[in-house]
Amino acid sequence: VCGEKITYRLKEMTAGTTEIELQSA
């Protein structure tokens, strides 16, 4: 393959938890 791109998107849910969205293309 000609490479992959991985994108992380972080969103704070509470003071002690964070949501992570991962996407690859």
PDB file of all heavy atoms in Angstrom:
ATOM      1  N   VAL A   1       0.835  -1.200   0.000  1.00  0.00           N
ATOM      2  CA  VAL A   1       0.000   0.000   0.000  1.00  0.00           C
ATOM      3  C   VAL A   1       0.871   1.252   0.000  1.00  0.00           C
ATOM      4  O   VAL A   1       2.048   1.201   0.325  1.00  0.00           O
ATOM      5  CB  VAL A   1      -0.933   0.031   1.238  1.00  0.00           C
ATOM      6  CG1 VAL A   1      -1.958  -1.081   1.163  1.00  0.00           C
ATOM      7  CG2 VAL A   1      -0.138  -0.049   2.521  1.00  0.00           C
ATOM      8  N   CYS A   2       0.245   2.372  -0.359  1.00  0.00           N
ATOM      9  CA  CYS A   2       0.961   3.651  -0.425  1.00  0.00           C
ATOM     10  C   CYS A   2       0.902   4.405   0.895  1.00  0.00           C
ATOM     11  O   CYS A   2       1.059   5.625   0.921  1.00  0.00           O
ATOM     12  CB  CYS A   2       0.366   4.511  -1.542  1.00  0.00           C
ATOM     13  SG  CYS A   2       0.660   3.849  -3.186  1.00  0.00           S
ATOM     14  N   GLY A   3       0.671   3.694   1.980  1.00  0.00           N
ATOM     15  CA  GLY A   3       0.640   4.314   3.300  1.00  0.00           C
ATOM     16  C   GLY A   3      -0.768   4.405   3.855  1.00  0.00           C
ATOM     17  O   GLY A   3      -1.756   4.229   3.143  1.00  0.00           O
ATOM     18  N   GLU A   4      -0.841   4.676   5.153  1.00  0.00           N
ATOM     19  CA  GLU A   4      -2.119   4.831   5.842  1.00  0.00           C
ATOM     20  C   GLU A   4      -2.091   6.120   6.654  1.00  0.00           C
ATOM     21  O   GLU A   4      -1.036   6.566   7.119  1.00  0.00           O
ATOM     22  CB  GLU A   4      -2.380   3.654   6.790  1.00  0.00           C
ATOM     23  CG  GLU A   4      -2.671   2.333   6.101  1.00  0.00           C
ATOM     24  CD  GLU A   4      -4.103   2.215   5.603  1.00  0.00           C
ATOM     25  OE1 GLU A   4      -4.991   2.906   6.155  1.00  0.00           O
ATOM     26  OE2 GLU A   4      -4.335   1.433   4.665  1.00  0.00           O
ATOM     27  N   LYS A   5      -3.258   6.696   6.826  1.00  0.00           N
ATOM     28  CA  LYS A   5      -3.408   7.877   7.665  1.00  0.00           C
ATOM     29  C   LYS A   5      -4.342   7.531   8.825  1.00  0.00           C
ATOM     30  O   LYS A   5      -5.479   7.091   8.597  1.00  0.00           O
ATOM     31  CB  LYS A   5      -3.988   9.045   6.857  1.00  0.00           C
ATOM     32  CG  LYS A   5      -4.247  10.297   7.680  1.00  0.00           C
ATOM     33  CD  LYS A   5      -4.872  11.376   6.801  1.00  0.00           C
ATOM     34  CE  LYS A   5      -5.228  12.603   7.625  1.00  0.00           C
ATOM     35  NZ  LYS A   5      -5.874  13.648   6.787  1.00  0.00           N
ATOM     36  N   ILE A   6      -3.862   7.701  10.051  1.00  0.00           N
ATOM     37  CA  ILE A   6      -4.665   7.433  11.237  1.00  0.00           C
ATOM     38  C   ILE A   6      -4.963   8.766  11.913  1.00  0.00           C
ATOM     39  O   ILE A   6      -4.045   9.551  12.178  1.00  0.00           O
ATOM     40  CB  ILE A   6      -3.932   6.511  12.233  1.00  0.00           C
ATOM     41  CG1 ILE A   6      -3.365   5.285  11.517  1.00  0.00           C
ATOM     42  CG2 ILE A   6      -4.870   6.107  13.367  1.00  0.00           C
ATOM     43  CD1 ILE A   6      -4.388   4.375  10.915  1.00  0.00           C
ATOM     44  N   THR A   7      -6.232   9.028  12.178  1.00  0.00           N
ATOM     45  CA  THR A   7      -6.642  10.278  12.817  1.00  0.00           C
ATOM     46  C   THR A   7      -7.291   9.990  14.167  1.00  0.00           C
ATOM     47  O   THR A   7      -8.201   9.172  14.263  1.00  0.00           O
ATOM     48  CB  THR A   7      -7.637  11.058  11.937  1.00  0.00           C
ATOM     49  OG1 THR A   7      -7.044  11.299  10.656  1.00  0.00           O
ATOM     50  CG2 THR A   7      -7.997  12.388  12.570  1.00  0.00           C
ATOM     51  N   TYR A   8      -6.790  10.661  15.204  1.00  0.00           N
ATOM     52  CA  TYR A   8      -7.375  10.598  16.545  1.00  0.00           C
ATOM     53  C   TYR A   8      -8.182  11.880  16.764  1.00  0.00           C
ATOM     54  O   TYR A   8      -7.690  12.968  16.501  1.00  0.00           O
ATOM     55  CB  TYR A   8      -6.313  10.551  17.637  1.00  0.00           C
ATOM     56  CG  TYR A   8      -5.333   9.412  17.612  1.00  0.00           C
ATOM     57  CD1 TYR A   8      -4.418   9.253  16.577  1.00  0.00           C
ATOM     58  CD2 TYR A   8      -5.270   8.513  18.678  1.00  0.00           C
ATOM     59  CE1 TYR A   8      -3.484   8.227  16.584  1.00  0.00           C
ATOM     60  CE2 TYR A   8      -4.337   7.482  18.708  1.00  0.00           C
ATOM     61  CZ  TYR A   8      -3.450   7.350  17.661  1.00  0.00           C
ATOM     62  OH  TYR A   8      -2.509   6.336  17.675  1.00  0.00           O
ATOM     63  N   ARG A   9      -9.373  11.740  17.312  1.00  0.00           N
ATOM     64  CA  ARG A   9     -10.163  12.901  17.731  1.00  0.00           C
ATOM     65  C   ARG A   9     -10.580  12.694  19.184  1.00  0.00           C
ATOM     66  O   ARG A   9     -11.281  11.738  19.499  1.00  0.00           O
ATOM     67  CB  ARG A   9     -11.384  13.095  16.832  1.00  0.00           C
ATOM     68  CG  ARG A   9     -11.020  13.579  15.429  1.00  0.00           C
ATOM     69  CD  ARG A   9     -12.251  13.900  14.588  1.00  0.00           C
ATOM     70  NE  ARG A   9     -11.882  14.533  13.337  1.00  0.00           N
ATOM     71  CZ  ARG A   9     -11.533  13.889  12.237  1.00  0.00           C
ATOM     72  NH1 ARG A   9     -11.503  12.575  12.238  1.00  0.00           N
ATOM     73  NH2 ARG A   9     -11.207  14.550  11.141  1.00  0.00           N
ATOM     74  N   LEU A  10     -10.132  13.591  20.048  1.00  0.00           N
ATOM     75  CA  LEU A  10     -10.387  13.460  21.476  1.00  0.00           C
ATOM     76  C   LEU A  10     -11.486  14.425  21.908  1.00  0.00           C
ATOM     77  O   LEU A  10     -11.550  15.569  21.450  1.00  0.00           O
ATOM     78  CB  LEU A  10      -9.123  13.762  22.288  1.00  0.00           C
ATOM     79  CG  LEU A  10      -8.002  12.715  22.252  1.00  0.00           C
ATOM     80  CD1 LEU A  10      -7.201  12.782  20.959  1.00  0.00           C
ATOM     81  CD2 LEU A  10      -7.065  12.900  23.443  1.00  0.00           C
ATOM     82  N   LYS A  11     -12.329  13.926  22.819  1.00  0.00           N
ATOM     83  CA  LYS A  11     -13.404  14.746  23.367  1.00  0.00           C
ATOM     84  C   LYS A  11     -13.531  14.466  24.855  1.00  0.00           C
ATOM     85  O   LYS A  11     -13.734  13.316  25.253  1.00  0.00           O
ATOM     86  CB  LYS A  11     -14.730  14.438  22.658  1.00  0.00           C
ATOM     87  CG  LYS A  11     -15.904  15.254  23.164  1.00  0.00           C
ATOM     88  CD  LYS A  11     -17.174  14.879  22.426  1.00  0.00           C
ATOM     89  CE  LYS A  11     -18.367  15.672  22.949  1.00  0.00           C
ATOM     90  NZ  LYS A  11     -19.628  15.264  22.259  1.00  0.00           N
ATOM     91  N   GLU A  12     -13.400  15.497  25.669  1.00  0.00           N
ATOM     92  CA  GLU A  12     -13.515  15.336  27.122  1.00  0.00           C
ATOM     93  C   GLU A  12     -14.960  15.054  27.493  1.00  0.00           C
ATOM     94  O   GLU A  12     -15.871  15.804  27.134  1.00  0.00           O
ATOM     95  CB  GLU A  12     -13.025  16.597  27.835  1.00  0.00           C
ATOM     96  CG  GLU A  12     -13.015  16.461  29.348  1.00  0.00           C
ATOM     97  CD  GLU A  12     -12.440  17.678  30.050  1.00  0.00           C
ATOM     98  OE1 GLU A  12     -12.432  18.766  29.417  1.00  0.00           O
ATOM     99  OE2 GLU A  12     -12.011  17.553  31.198  1.00  0.00           O
ATOM    100  N   MET A  13     -15.181  13.958  28.212  1.00  0.00           N
ATOM    101  CA  MET A  13     -16.525  13.584  28.647  1.00  0.00           C
ATOM    102  C   MET A  13     -16.768  14.057  30.079  1.00  0.00           C
ATOM    103  O   MET A  13     -17.751  14.722  30.371  1.00  0.00           O
ATOM    104  CB  MET A  13     -16.711  12.073  28.549  1.00  0.00           C
ATOM    105  CG  MET A  13     -16.548  11.537  27.129  1.00  0.00           C
ATOM    106  SD  MET A  13     -16.654   9.731  27.053  1.00  0.00           S
ATOM    107  CE  MET A  13     -18.372   9.471  27.500  1.00  0.00           C
ATOM    108  N   THR A  14     -15.862  13.686  30.990  1.00  0.00           N
ATOM    109  CA  THR A  14     -15.890  14.164  32.367  1.00  0.00           C
ATOM    110  C   THR A  14     -14.458  14.527  32.748  1.00  0.00           C
ATOM    111  O   THR A  14     -13.547  14.403  31.928  1.00  0.00           O
ATOM    112  CB  THR A  14     -16.421  13.080  33.332  1.00  0.00           C
ATOM    113  OG1 THR A  14     -15.483  11.988  33.381  1.00  0.00           O
ATOM    114  CG2 THR A  14     -17.775  12.559  32.867  1.00  0.00           C
ATOM    115  N   ALA A  15     -14.272  14.916  34.011  1.00  0.00           N
ATOM    116  CA  ALA A  15     -12.924  15.269  34.453  1.00  0.00           C
ATOM    117  C   ALA A  15     -11.969  14.088  34.388  1.00  0.00           C
ATOM    118  O   ALA A  15     -10.757  14.270  34.277  1.00  0.00           O
ATOM    119  CB  ALA A  15     -12.975  15.816  35.878  1.00  0.00           C
ATOM    120  N   GLY A  16     -12.511  12.864  34.435  1.00  0.00           N
ATOM    121  CA  GLY A  16     -11.653  11.683  34.452  1.00  0.00           C
ATOM    122  C   GLY A  16     -11.854  10.732  33.294  1.00  0.00           C
ATOM    123  O   GLY A  16     -11.281   9.640  33.283  1.00  0.00           O
ATOM    124  N   THR A  17     -12.634  11.102  32.297  1.00  0.00           N
ATOM    125  CA  THR A  17     -12.851  10.232  31.132  1.00  0.00           C
ATOM    126  C   THR A  17     -12.784  11.042  29.839  1.00  0.00           C
ATOM    127  O   THR A  17     -13.274  12.175  29.781  1.00  0.00           O
ATOM    128  CB  THR A  17     -14.213   9.507  31.193  1.00  0.00           C
ATOM    129  OG1 THR A  17     -15.262  10.481  31.316  1.00  0.00           O
ATOM    130  CG2 THR A  17     -14.269   8.534  32.353  1.00  0.00           C
ATOM    131  N   THR A  18     -12.185  10.458  28.820  1.00  0.00           N
ATOM    132  CA  THR A  18     -12.032  11.110  27.518  1.00  0.00           C
ATOM    133  C   THR A  18     -12.403  10.139  26.412  1.00  0.00           C
ATOM    134  O   THR A  18     -11.951   8.991  26.403  1.00  0.00           O
ATOM    135  CB  THR A  18     -10.576  11.579  27.307  1.00  0.00           C
ATOM    136  OG1 THR A  18     -10.185  12.411  28.407  1.00  0.00           O
ATOM    137  CG2 THR A  18     -10.430  12.348  26.006  1.00  0.00           C
ATOM    138  N   GLU A  19     -13.244  10.575  25.488  1.00  0.00           N
ATOM    139  CA  GLU A  19     -13.640   9.742  24.352  1.00  0.00           C
ATOM    140  C   GLU A  19     -12.610   9.891  23.229  1.00  0.00           C
ATOM    141  O   GLU A  19     -12.186  11.005  22.909  1.00  0.00           O
ATOM    142  CB  GLU A  19     -15.019  10.138  23.838  1.00  0.00           C
ATOM    143  CG  GLU A  19     -15.506   9.253  22.686  1.00  0.00           C
ATOM    144  CD  GLU A  19     -16.857   9.673  22.149  1.00  0.00           C
ATOM    145  OE1 GLU A  19     -17.098  10.904  22.057  1.00  0.00           O
ATOM    146  OE2 GLU A  19     -17.662   8.800  21.830  1.00  0.00           O
ATOM    147  N   ILE A  20     -12.227   8.757  22.650  1.00  0.00           N
ATOM    148  CA  ILE A  20     -11.268   8.757  21.543  1.00  0.00           C
ATOM    149  C   ILE A  20     -11.945   8.177  20.305  1.00  0.00           C
ATOM    150  O   ILE A  20     -12.426   7.047  20.331  1.00  0.00           O
ATOM    151  CB  ILE A  20     -10.022   7.901  21.866  1.00  0.00           C
ATOM    152  CG1 ILE A  20      -9.493   8.174  23.278  1.00  0.00           C
ATOM    153  CG2 ILE A  20      -8.948   8.119  20.805  1.00  0.00           C
ATOM    154  CD1 ILE A  20      -8.966   9.550  23.498  1.00  0.00           C
ATOM    155  N   GLU A  21     -11.986   8.955  19.239  1.00  0.00           N
ATOM    156  CA  GLU A  21     -12.480   8.456  17.953  1.00  0.00           C
ATOM    157  C   GLU A  21     -11.281   8.224  17.043  1.00  0.00           C
ATOM    158  O   GLU A  21     -10.482   9.122  16.825  1.00  0.00           O
ATOM    159  CB  GLU A  21     -13.439   9.455  17.312  1.00  0.00           C
ATOM    160  CG  GLU A  21     -13.991   8.970  15.972  1.00  0.00           C
ATOM    161  CD  GLU A  21     -14.818  10.018  15.260  1.00  0.00           C
ATOM    162  OE1 GLU A  21     -16.019  10.110  15.541  1.00  0.00           O
ATOM    163  OE2 GLU A  21     -14.239  10.761  14.426  1.00  0.00           O
ATOM    164  N   LEU A  22     -11.168   7.016  16.527  1.00  0.00           N
ATOM    165  CA  LEU A  22     -10.068   6.650  15.638  1.00  0.00           C
ATOM    166  C   LEU A  22     -10.602   6.412  14.232  1.00  0.00           C
ATOM    167  O   LEU A  22     -11.618   5.723  14.058  1.00  0.00           O
ATOM    168  CB  LEU A  22      -9.381   5.376  16.130  1.00  0.00           C
ATOM    169  CG  LEU A  22      -8.521   5.474  17.389  1.00  0.00           C
ATOM    170  CD1 LEU A  22      -8.193   4.079  17.893  1.00  0.00           C
ATOM    171  CD2 LEU A  22      -7.257   6.256  17.120  1.00  0.00           C
ATOM    172  N   GLN A  23      -9.913   6.958  13.252  1.00  0.00           N
ATOM    173  CA  GLN A  23     -10.268   6.727  11.852  1.00  0.00           C
ATOM    174  C   GLN A  23      -9.006   6.416  11.065  1.00  0.00           C
ATOM    175  O   GLN A  23      -7.960   7.012  11.314  1.00  0.00           O
ATOM    176  CB  GLN A  23     -10.967   7.953  11.255  1.00  0.00           C
ATOM    177  CG  GLN A  23     -12.348   8.216  11.811  1.00  0.00           C
ATOM    178  CD  GLN A  23     -13.031   9.396  11.138  1.00  0.00           C
ATOM    179  OE1 GLN A  23     -12.380  10.362  10.739  1.00  0.00           O
ATOM    180  NE2 GLN A  23     -14.336   9.332  11.001  1.00  0.00           N
ATOM    181  N   SER A  24      -9.131   5.482  10.138  1.00  0.00           N
ATOM    182  CA  SER A  24      -8.004   5.172   9.258  1.00  0.00           C
ATOM    183  C   SER A  24      -8.465   5.227   7.810  1.00  0.00           C
ATOM    184  O   SER A  24      -9.619   4.916   7.501  1.00  0.00           O
ATOM    185  CB  SER A  24      -7.437   3.778   9.571  1.00  0.00           C
ATOM    186  OG  SER A  24      -8.290   2.766   9.079  1.00  0.00           O
ATOM    187  N   ALA A  25      -7.552   5.626   6.947  1.00  0.00           N
ATOM    188  CA  ALA A  25      -7.832   5.683   5.508  1.00  0.00           C
ATOM    189  C   ALA A  25      -6.521   5.525   4.760  1.00  0.00           C
ATOM    190  O   ALA A  25      -5.474   5.961   5.237  1.00  0.00           O
ATOM    191  CB  ALA A  25      -8.495   7.005   5.142  1.00  0.00           C
TER     192      ALA A  25
END
